[in-house]
């Protein structure tokens, strides 16, 4: 369910909250690079990085969102995407029509490389976040998938995107889109992030490493060279 940006106060720059996955995101990870280079970008400390607990992660994410002033964009990776989906299931306040200071506070989410937590998870700890929440997310979202991600196939990514009402972006063959993918500041991810922001952030020149998914898969409304 996509929200219309026409009613947003674009004078308020959204805070970008990164939501890491299992094991946290260390040096060389695009989330770490964004936190260092983007103003107003900071990490949600979910804790229990090696022994994740679904409800604890959801509660900590909810607390971080509520403590943030102004609109929020979530930039999640791997199991962090499932934490976002469960947060939306359990904690997301109503939309603007419901009123209240926190209505529609999260204005978008970039969901990068969510893992399979149900069928054939590579790590049994991932099953703690099963089943996958089936409801469409109540904010605009983009699911980014890699063609050779060992944690999720492209077919699974398409199903997730459809279920969550997210647009699907094909990042190419870049593994799990983590530090081992050697993406640096990850220009393609920054380009996708900009489509969620009321006002885009400046980007360095260069060709983003990634491809758009087909319109048949995700009904994308942007073009990436």
C-alpha atoms as a PDB file:
ATOM      1  CA  UNK A   1       0.000   0.000   0.000  1.00  0.00           C
ATOM      2  CA  UNK A   2       2.000   2.981  -1.261  1.00  0.00           C
ATOM      3  CA  UNK A   3       1.547   6.352   0.381  1.00  0.00           C
ATOM      4  CA  UNK A   4       1.449   9.596  -1.539  1.00  0.00           C
ATOM      5  CA  UNK A   5       4.397  11.877  -0.855  1.00  0.00           C
ATOM      6  CA  UNK A   6       2.337  14.962  -1.784  1.00  0.00           C
ATOM      7  CA  UNK A   7       1.228  15.471   1.825  1.00  0.00           C
ATOM      8  CA  UNK A   8       4.714  15.163   3.337  1.00  0.00           C
ATOM      9  CA  UNK A   9       6.638  18.129   4.673  1.00  0.00           C
ATOM     10  CA  UNK A  10       9.680  17.904   2.437  1.00  0.00           C
ATOM     11  CA  UNK A  11      11.456  20.554   4.516  1.00  0.00           C
ATOM     12  CA  UNK A  12      12.053  17.831   7.121  1.00  0.00           C
ATOM     13  CA  UNK A  13      14.811  15.471   6.025  1.00  0.00           C
ATOM     14  CA  UNK A  14      13.969  11.867   6.931  1.00  0.00           C
ATOM     15  CA  UNK A  15      16.279  10.023   9.291  1.00  0.00           C
ATOM     16  CA  UNK A  16      17.672   6.868   7.695  1.00  0.00           C
ATOM     17  CA  UNK A  17      17.788   4.009  10.186  1.00  0.00           C
ATOM     18  CA  UNK A  18      19.886   1.029   9.126  1.00  0.00           C
ATOM     19  CA  UNK A  19      18.665  -2.332  10.397  1.00  0.00           C
ATOM     20  CA  UNK A  20      21.372  -5.025  10.169  1.00  0.00           C
ATOM     21  CA  UNK A  21      20.814  -8.745  10.137  1.00  0.00           C
ATOM     22  CA  UNK A  22      22.333 -11.762  11.829  1.00  0.00           C
ATOM     23  CA  UNK A  23      25.838 -10.999  13.117  1.00  0.00           C
ATOM     24  CA  UNK A  24      25.510  -7.223  12.640  1.00  0.00           C
ATOM     25  CA  UNK A  25      27.173  -5.314   9.774  1.00  0.00           C
ATOM     26  CA  UNK A  26      30.888  -4.722  10.096  1.00  0.00           C
ATOM     27  CA  UNK A  27      33.559  -2.838   8.127  1.00  0.00           C
ATOM     28  CA  UNK A  28      33.095  -3.018   4.368  1.00  0.00           C
ATOM     29  CA  UNK A  29      29.323  -3.372   4.595  1.00  0.00           C
ATOM     30  CA  UNK A  30      27.248  -0.808   2.676  1.00  0.00           C
ATOM     31  CA  UNK A  31      25.228  -0.047   5.812  1.00  0.00           C
ATOM     32  CA  UNK A  32      28.410   0.893   7.662  1.00  0.00           C
ATOM     33  CA  UNK A  33      29.518   3.024   4.697  1.00  0.00           C
ATOM     34  CA  UNK A  34      26.178   4.852   4.577  1.00  0.00           C
ATOM     35  CA  UNK A  35      26.292   5.595   8.287  1.00  0.00           C
ATOM     36  CA  UNK A  36      29.717   7.174   7.799  1.00  0.00           C
ATOM     37  CA  UNK A  37      28.876   9.186   4.690  1.00  0.00           C
ATOM     38  CA  UNK A  38      25.211  10.181   4.968  1.00  0.00           C
ATOM     39  CA  UNK A  39      24.020  12.860   7.330  1.00  0.00           C
ATOM     40  CA  UNK A  40      21.123  11.667   9.463  1.00  0.00           C
ATOM     41  CA  UNK A  41      21.882   7.969   8.936  1.00  0.00           C
ATOM     42  CA  UNK A  42      22.352   5.806  12.002  1.00  0.00           C
ATOM     43  CA  UNK A  43      22.147   2.183  13.069  1.00  0.00           C
ATOM     44  CA  UNK A  44      19.467   0.513  15.146  1.00  0.00           C
ATOM     45  CA  UNK A  45      21.198  -1.511  17.862  1.00  0.00           C
ATOM     46  CA  UNK A  46      19.029  -4.616  17.933  1.00  0.00           C
ATOM     47  CA  UNK A  47      21.435  -6.510  20.186  1.00  0.00           C
ATOM     48  CA  UNK A  48      21.574 -10.306  20.411  1.00  0.00           C
ATOM     49  CA  UNK A  49      23.337 -10.239  17.051  1.00  0.00           C
ATOM     50  CA  UNK A  50      24.459 -13.869  17.265  1.00  0.00           C
ATOM     51  CA  UNK A  51      21.376 -15.135  19.101  1.00  0.00           C
ATOM     52  CA  UNK A  52      18.481 -13.145  17.629  1.00  0.00           C
ATOM     53  CA  UNK A  53      15.066 -13.067  19.263  1.00  0.00           C
ATOM     54  CA  UNK A  54      12.211 -11.874  17.095  1.00  0.00           C
ATOM     55  CA  UNK A  55      10.155  -9.962  19.640  1.00  0.00           C
ATOM     56  CA  UNK A  56      13.248  -8.357  21.181  1.00  0.00           C
ATOM     57  CA  UNK A  57      14.355  -7.110  17.778  1.00  0.00           C
ATOM     58  CA  UNK A  58      10.870  -5.810  16.989  1.00  0.00           C
ATOM     59  CA  UNK A  59      10.665  -3.988  20.319  1.00  0.00           C
ATOM     60  CA  UNK A  60      14.098  -2.407  19.908  1.00  0.00           C
ATOM     61  CA  UNK A  61      13.278  -1.328  16.364  1.00  0.00           C
ATOM     62  CA  UNK A  62      10.012   0.159  17.560  1.00  0.00           C
ATOM     63  CA  UNK A  63      11.796   2.070  20.340  1.00  0.00           C
ATOM     64  CA  UNK A  64      14.381   3.454  17.885  1.00  0.00           C
ATOM     65  CA  UNK A  65      11.638   4.628  15.525  1.00  0.00           C
ATOM     66  CA  UNK A  66       9.610   6.250  18.284  1.00  0.00           C
ATOM     67  CA  UNK A  67      12.699   8.063  19.641  1.00  0.00           C
ATOM     68  CA  UNK A  68      13.494   9.505  16.217  1.00  0.00           C
ATOM     69  CA  UNK A  69      12.142  12.964  15.500  1.00  0.00           C
ATOM     70  CA  UNK A  70      10.467  13.422  12.139  1.00  0.00           C
ATOM     71  CA  UNK A  71       9.955  10.937   9.290  1.00  0.00           C
ATOM     72  CA  UNK A  72      11.967   7.721   9.044  1.00  0.00           C
ATOM     73  CA  UNK A  73      13.327   5.630   6.178  1.00  0.00           C
ATOM     74  CA  UNK A  74      14.380   2.088   7.077  1.00  0.00           C
ATOM     75  CA  UNK A  75      17.368   0.548   5.263  1.00  0.00           C
ATOM     76  CA  UNK A  76      17.396  -3.099   6.317  1.00  0.00           C
ATOM     77  CA  UNK A  77      19.632  -6.002   5.378  1.00  0.00           C
ATOM     78  CA  UNK A  78      19.061  -9.755   5.558  1.00  0.00           C
ATOM     79  CA  UNK A  79      17.282 -10.811   8.772  1.00  0.00           C
ATOM     80  CA  UNK A  80      16.777  -7.116   9.532  1.00  0.00           C
ATOM     81  CA  UNK A  81      14.206  -7.134   6.707  1.00  0.00           C
ATOM     82  CA  UNK A  82      12.182  -9.704   8.616  1.00  0.00           C
ATOM     83  CA  UNK A  83      12.412  -7.565  11.737  1.00  0.00           C
ATOM     84  CA  UNK A  84      10.938  -4.678   9.717  1.00  0.00           C
ATOM     85  CA  UNK A  85       8.139  -6.864   8.386  1.00  0.00           C
ATOM     86  CA  UNK A  86       7.259  -8.118  11.871  1.00  0.00           C
ATOM     87  CA  UNK A  87       7.434  -4.559  13.230  1.00  0.00           C
ATOM     88  CA  UNK A  88       4.926  -3.496  10.581  1.00  0.00           C
ATOM     89  CA  UNK A  89       2.741  -6.460  11.545  1.00  0.00           C
ATOM     90  CA  UNK A  90       2.790  -5.746  15.285  1.00  0.00           C
ATOM     91  CA  UNK A  91       3.709  -2.127  15.921  1.00  0.00           C
ATOM     92  CA  UNK A  92       3.112   0.090  12.901  1.00  0.00           C
ATOM     93  CA  UNK A  93       0.705   2.902  13.889  1.00  0.00           C
ATOM     94  CA  UNK A  94      -2.192   3.794  11.607  1.00  0.00           C
ATOM     95  CA  UNK A  95      -1.869   5.924   8.511  1.00  0.00           C
ATOM     96  CA  UNK A  96      -2.390   9.687   8.295  1.00  0.00           C
ATOM     97  CA  UNK A  97      -6.188   9.288   8.330  1.00  0.00           C
ATOM     98  CA  UNK A  98      -5.974   7.851  11.848  1.00  0.00           C
ATOM     99  CA  UNK A  99      -4.297  11.004  13.171  1.00  0.00           C
ATOM    100  CA  UNK A 100      -1.828  11.165  16.018  1.00  0.00           C
ATOM    101  CA  UNK A 101       1.778  12.385  16.064  1.00  0.00           C
ATOM    102  CA  UNK A 102       3.252   9.045  14.985  1.00  0.00           C
ATOM    103  CA  UNK A 103       0.784   8.203  12.214  1.00  0.00           C
ATOM    104  CA  UNK A 104       2.687   7.160   9.110  1.00  0.00           C
ATOM    105  CA  UNK A 105       6.070   7.974  10.700  1.00  0.00           C
ATOM    106  CA  UNK A 106       7.932   5.426   8.564  1.00  0.00           C
ATOM    107  CA  UNK A 107       7.651   6.750   5.023  1.00  0.00           C
ATOM    108  CA  UNK A 108       9.578   4.008   3.239  1.00  0.00           C
ATOM    109  CA  UNK A 109      11.822   0.971   3.527  1.00  0.00           C
ATOM    110  CA  UNK A 110      14.686  -0.450   1.499  1.00  0.00           C
ATOM    111  CA  UNK A 111      14.687  -4.205   2.149  1.00  0.00           C
ATOM    112  CA  UNK A 112      17.953  -5.717   0.954  1.00  0.00           C
ATOM    113  CA  UNK A 113      18.561  -9.454   0.607  1.00  0.00           C
ATOM    114  CA  UNK A 114      15.926 -10.847   2.969  1.00  0.00           C
ATOM    115  CA  UNK A 115      16.671 -14.507   3.757  1.00  0.00           C
ATOM    116  CA  UNK A 116      14.521 -17.598   3.429  1.00  0.00           C
ATOM    117  CA  UNK A 117      13.251 -18.270   6.964  1.00  0.00           C
ATOM    118  CA  UNK A 118      10.700 -20.979   6.117  1.00  0.00           C
ATOM    119  CA  UNK A 119      11.584 -23.445   3.371  1.00  0.00           C
ATOM    120  CA  UNK A 120      15.333 -24.173   3.341  1.00  0.00           C
ATOM    121  CA  UNK A 121      17.054 -21.624   5.607  1.00  0.00           C
ATOM    122  CA  UNK A 122      20.852 -21.798   5.583  1.00  0.00           C
ATOM    123  CA  UNK A 123      21.005 -21.022   9.298  1.00  0.00           C
ATOM    124  CA  UNK A 124      18.529 -22.512  11.763  1.00  0.00           C
ATOM    125  CA  UNK A 125      18.487 -19.249  13.713  1.00  0.00           C
ATOM    126  CA  UNK A 126      16.629 -17.675  10.801  1.00  0.00           C
ATOM    127  CA  UNK A 127      13.602 -19.875  11.496  1.00  0.00           C
ATOM    128  CA  UNK A 128      12.937 -17.847  14.659  1.00  0.00           C
ATOM    129  CA  UNK A 129      11.423 -15.204  12.372  1.00  0.00           C
ATOM    130  CA  UNK A 130       9.089 -17.636  10.593  1.00  0.00           C
ATOM    131  CA  UNK A 131       6.494 -17.543   9.260  1.00  0.00           C
ATOM    132  CA  UNK A 132       6.927 -14.584   6.955  1.00  0.00           C
ATOM    133  CA  UNK A 133       4.328 -11.874   7.639  1.00  0.00           C
ATOM    134  CA  UNK A 134       1.939 -12.026   4.711  1.00  0.00           C
ATOM    135  CA  UNK A 135       0.337  -8.579   4.903  1.00  0.00           C
ATOM    136  CA  UNK A 136       1.340  -5.774   2.561  1.00  0.00           C
ATOM    137  CA  UNK A 137       3.594  -3.219   4.212  1.00  0.00           C
ATOM    138  CA  UNK A 138       1.819   0.056   5.080  1.00  0.00           C
ATOM    139  CA  UNK A 139       4.539   2.227   3.504  1.00  0.00           C
ATOM    140  CA  UNK A 140       6.370   2.321   0.147  1.00  0.00           C
ATOM    141  CA  UNK A 141       9.081  -0.315  -0.012  1.00  0.00           C
ATOM    142  CA  UNK A 142      11.678  -1.757  -2.364  1.00  0.00           C
ATOM    143  CA  UNK A 143      12.939  -5.318  -2.054  1.00  0.00           C
ATOM    144  CA  UNK A 144      16.451  -5.714  -3.475  1.00  0.00           C
ATOM    145  CA  UNK A 145      17.552  -9.200  -4.493  1.00  0.00           C
ATOM    146  CA  UNK A 146      20.722 -10.724  -5.929  1.00  0.00           C
ATOM    147  CA  UNK A 147      20.656 -13.404  -8.601  1.00  0.00           C
ATOM    148  CA  UNK A 148      23.212 -15.563  -6.760  1.00  0.00           C
ATOM    149  CA  UNK A 149      22.226 -14.936  -3.150  1.00  0.00           C
ATOM    150  CA  UNK A 150      22.618 -18.262  -1.302  1.00  0.00           C
ATOM    151  CA  UNK A 151      19.991 -17.177   1.249  1.00  0.00           C
ATOM    152  CA  UNK A 152      17.122 -16.476  -1.182  1.00  0.00           C
ATOM    153  CA  UNK A 153      16.337 -17.279  -4.797  1.00  0.00           C
ATOM    154  CA  UNK A 154      14.968 -14.707  -7.216  1.00  0.00           C
ATOM    155  CA  UNK A 155      11.716 -16.665  -7.405  1.00  0.00           C
ATOM    156  CA  UNK A 156      11.367 -16.418  -3.635  1.00  0.00           C
ATOM    157  CA  UNK A 157      12.220 -12.711  -3.805  1.00  0.00           C
ATOM    158  CA  UNK A 158       9.432 -12.155  -6.330  1.00  0.00           C
ATOM    159  CA  UNK A 159       6.925 -13.870  -4.043  1.00  0.00           C
ATOM    160  CA  UNK A 160       8.053 -11.836  -1.052  1.00  0.00           C
ATOM    161  CA  UNK A 161       7.822  -8.591  -3.005  1.00  0.00           C
ATOM    162  CA  UNK A 162       4.301  -9.396  -4.173  1.00  0.00           C
ATOM    163  CA  UNK A 163       3.172 -10.332  -0.676  1.00  0.00           C
ATOM    164  CA  UNK A 164       4.620  -7.212   0.907  1.00  0.00           C
ATOM    165  CA  UNK A 165       3.438  -4.922  -1.885  1.00  0.00           C
ATOM    166  CA  UNK A 166       7.063  -3.968  -2.535  1.00  0.00           C
ATOM    167  CA  UNK A 167       8.800  -3.102  -5.776  1.00  0.00           C
ATOM    168  CA  UNK A 168      11.485  -5.582  -6.748  1.00  0.00           C
ATOM    169  CA  UNK A 169      14.967  -4.468  -7.801  1.00  0.00           C
ATOM    170  CA  UNK A 170      17.513  -6.875  -9.306  1.00  0.00           C
ATOM    171  CA  UNK A 171      21.011  -6.110  -7.971  1.00  0.00           C
ATOM    172  CA  UNK A 172      22.721  -8.498 -10.388  1.00  0.00           C
ATOM    173  CA  UNK A 173      25.083 -11.236  -9.181  1.00  0.00           C
ATOM    174  CA  UNK A 174      26.435  -9.782  -5.944  1.00  0.00           C
ATOM    175  CA  UNK A 175      25.974 -12.608  -3.458  1.00  0.00           C
ATOM    176  CA  UNK A 176      24.215 -11.721  -0.215  1.00  0.00           C
ATOM    177  CA  UNK A 177      24.728  -7.970  -0.830  1.00  0.00           C
ATOM    178  CA  UNK A 178      26.980  -7.712   2.223  1.00  0.00           C
ATOM    179  CA  UNK A 179      30.605  -6.896   3.010  1.00  0.00           C
ATOM    180  CA  UNK A 180      31.790  -9.908   0.998  1.00  0.00           C
ATOM    181  CA  UNK A 181      30.085  -8.390  -2.060  1.00  0.00           C
ATOM    182  CA  UNK A 182      32.666  -5.532  -2.034  1.00  0.00           C
ATOM    183  CA  UNK A 183      30.082  -2.879  -2.898  1.00  0.00           C
ATOM    184  CA  UNK A 184      31.623   0.022  -0.992  1.00  0.00           C
ATOM    185  CA  UNK A 185      29.093   2.852  -0.773  1.00  0.00           C
ATOM    186  CA  UNK A 186      26.853   0.800  -3.115  1.00  0.00           C
ATOM    187  CA  UNK A 187      25.724   3.345  -5.709  1.00  0.00           C
ATOM    188  CA  UNK A 188      22.840   1.165  -6.892  1.00  0.00           C
ATOM    189  CA  UNK A 189      21.438   0.993  -3.378  1.00  0.00           C
ATOM    190  CA  UNK A 190      21.833   4.757  -3.019  1.00  0.00           C
ATOM    191  CA  UNK A 191      19.889   5.234  -6.245  1.00  0.00           C
ATOM    192  CA  UNK A 192      17.060   3.073  -4.924  1.00  0.00           C
ATOM    193  CA  UNK A 193      17.147   4.882  -1.588  1.00  0.00           C
ATOM    194  CA  UNK A 194      16.690   8.178  -3.412  1.00  0.00           C
ATOM    195  CA  UNK A 195      13.429   6.964  -4.935  1.00  0.00           C
ATOM    196  CA  UNK A 196      12.025   6.631  -1.400  1.00  0.00           C
ATOM    197  CA  UNK A 197      13.125  10.080  -0.250  1.00  0.00           C
ATOM    198  CA  UNK A 198      11.010  13.238  -0.705  1.00  0.00           C
ATOM    199  CA  UNK A 199      14.192  14.986  -1.884  1.00  0.00           C
ATOM    200  CA  UNK A 200      17.037  12.851  -3.328  1.00  0.00           C
ATOM    201  CA  UNK A 201      20.504  12.907  -1.828  1.00  0.00           C
ATOM    202  CA  UNK A 202      23.451  13.832  -4.080  1.00  0.00           C
ATOM    203  CA  UNK A 203      25.331  10.919  -5.563  1.00  0.00           C
ATOM    204  CA  UNK A 204      28.822  10.428  -6.942  1.00  0.00           C
ATOM    205  CA  UNK A 205      29.083  10.035 -10.695  1.00  0.00           C
ATOM    206  CA  UNK A 206      29.206   6.523 -12.071  1.00  0.00           C
ATOM    207  CA  UNK A 207      27.051   3.661 -13.258  1.00  0.00           C
ATOM    208  CA  UNK A 208      25.139   1.943 -10.449  1.00  0.00           C
ATOM    209  CA  UNK A 209      25.924  -1.751 -10.167  1.00  0.00           C
ATOM    210  CA  UNK A 210      22.566  -3.407 -10.571  1.00  0.00           C
ATOM    211  CA  UNK A 211      19.571  -3.834 -12.819  1.00  0.00           C
ATOM    212  CA  UNK A 212      15.860  -3.126 -12.468  1.00  0.00           C
ATOM    213  CA  UNK A 213      13.542  -6.088 -12.224  1.00  0.00           C
ATOM    214  CA  UNK A 214      11.085  -6.473 -15.069  1.00  0.00           C
ATOM    215  CA  UNK A 215       7.818  -4.563 -14.955  1.00  0.00           C
ATOM    216  CA  UNK A 216       5.968  -7.873 -15.104  1.00  0.00           C
ATOM    217  CA  UNK A 217       7.618  -8.840 -11.819  1.00  0.00           C
ATOM    218  CA  UNK A 218       7.318  -5.633  -9.831  1.00  0.00           C
ATOM    219  CA  UNK A 219       5.593  -2.847 -11.763  1.00  0.00           C
ATOM    220  CA  UNK A 220       8.603  -0.547 -11.373  1.00  0.00           C
ATOM    221  CA  UNK A 221       8.175   3.059 -12.371  1.00  0.00           C
ATOM    222  CA  UNK A 222      11.843   4.008 -12.732  1.00  0.00           C
ATOM    223  CA  UNK A 223      14.487   3.154 -15.307  1.00  0.00           C
ATOM    224  CA  UNK A 224      18.114   2.380 -14.473  1.00  0.00           C
ATOM    225  CA  UNK A 225      20.730   2.347 -17.177  1.00  0.00           C
END
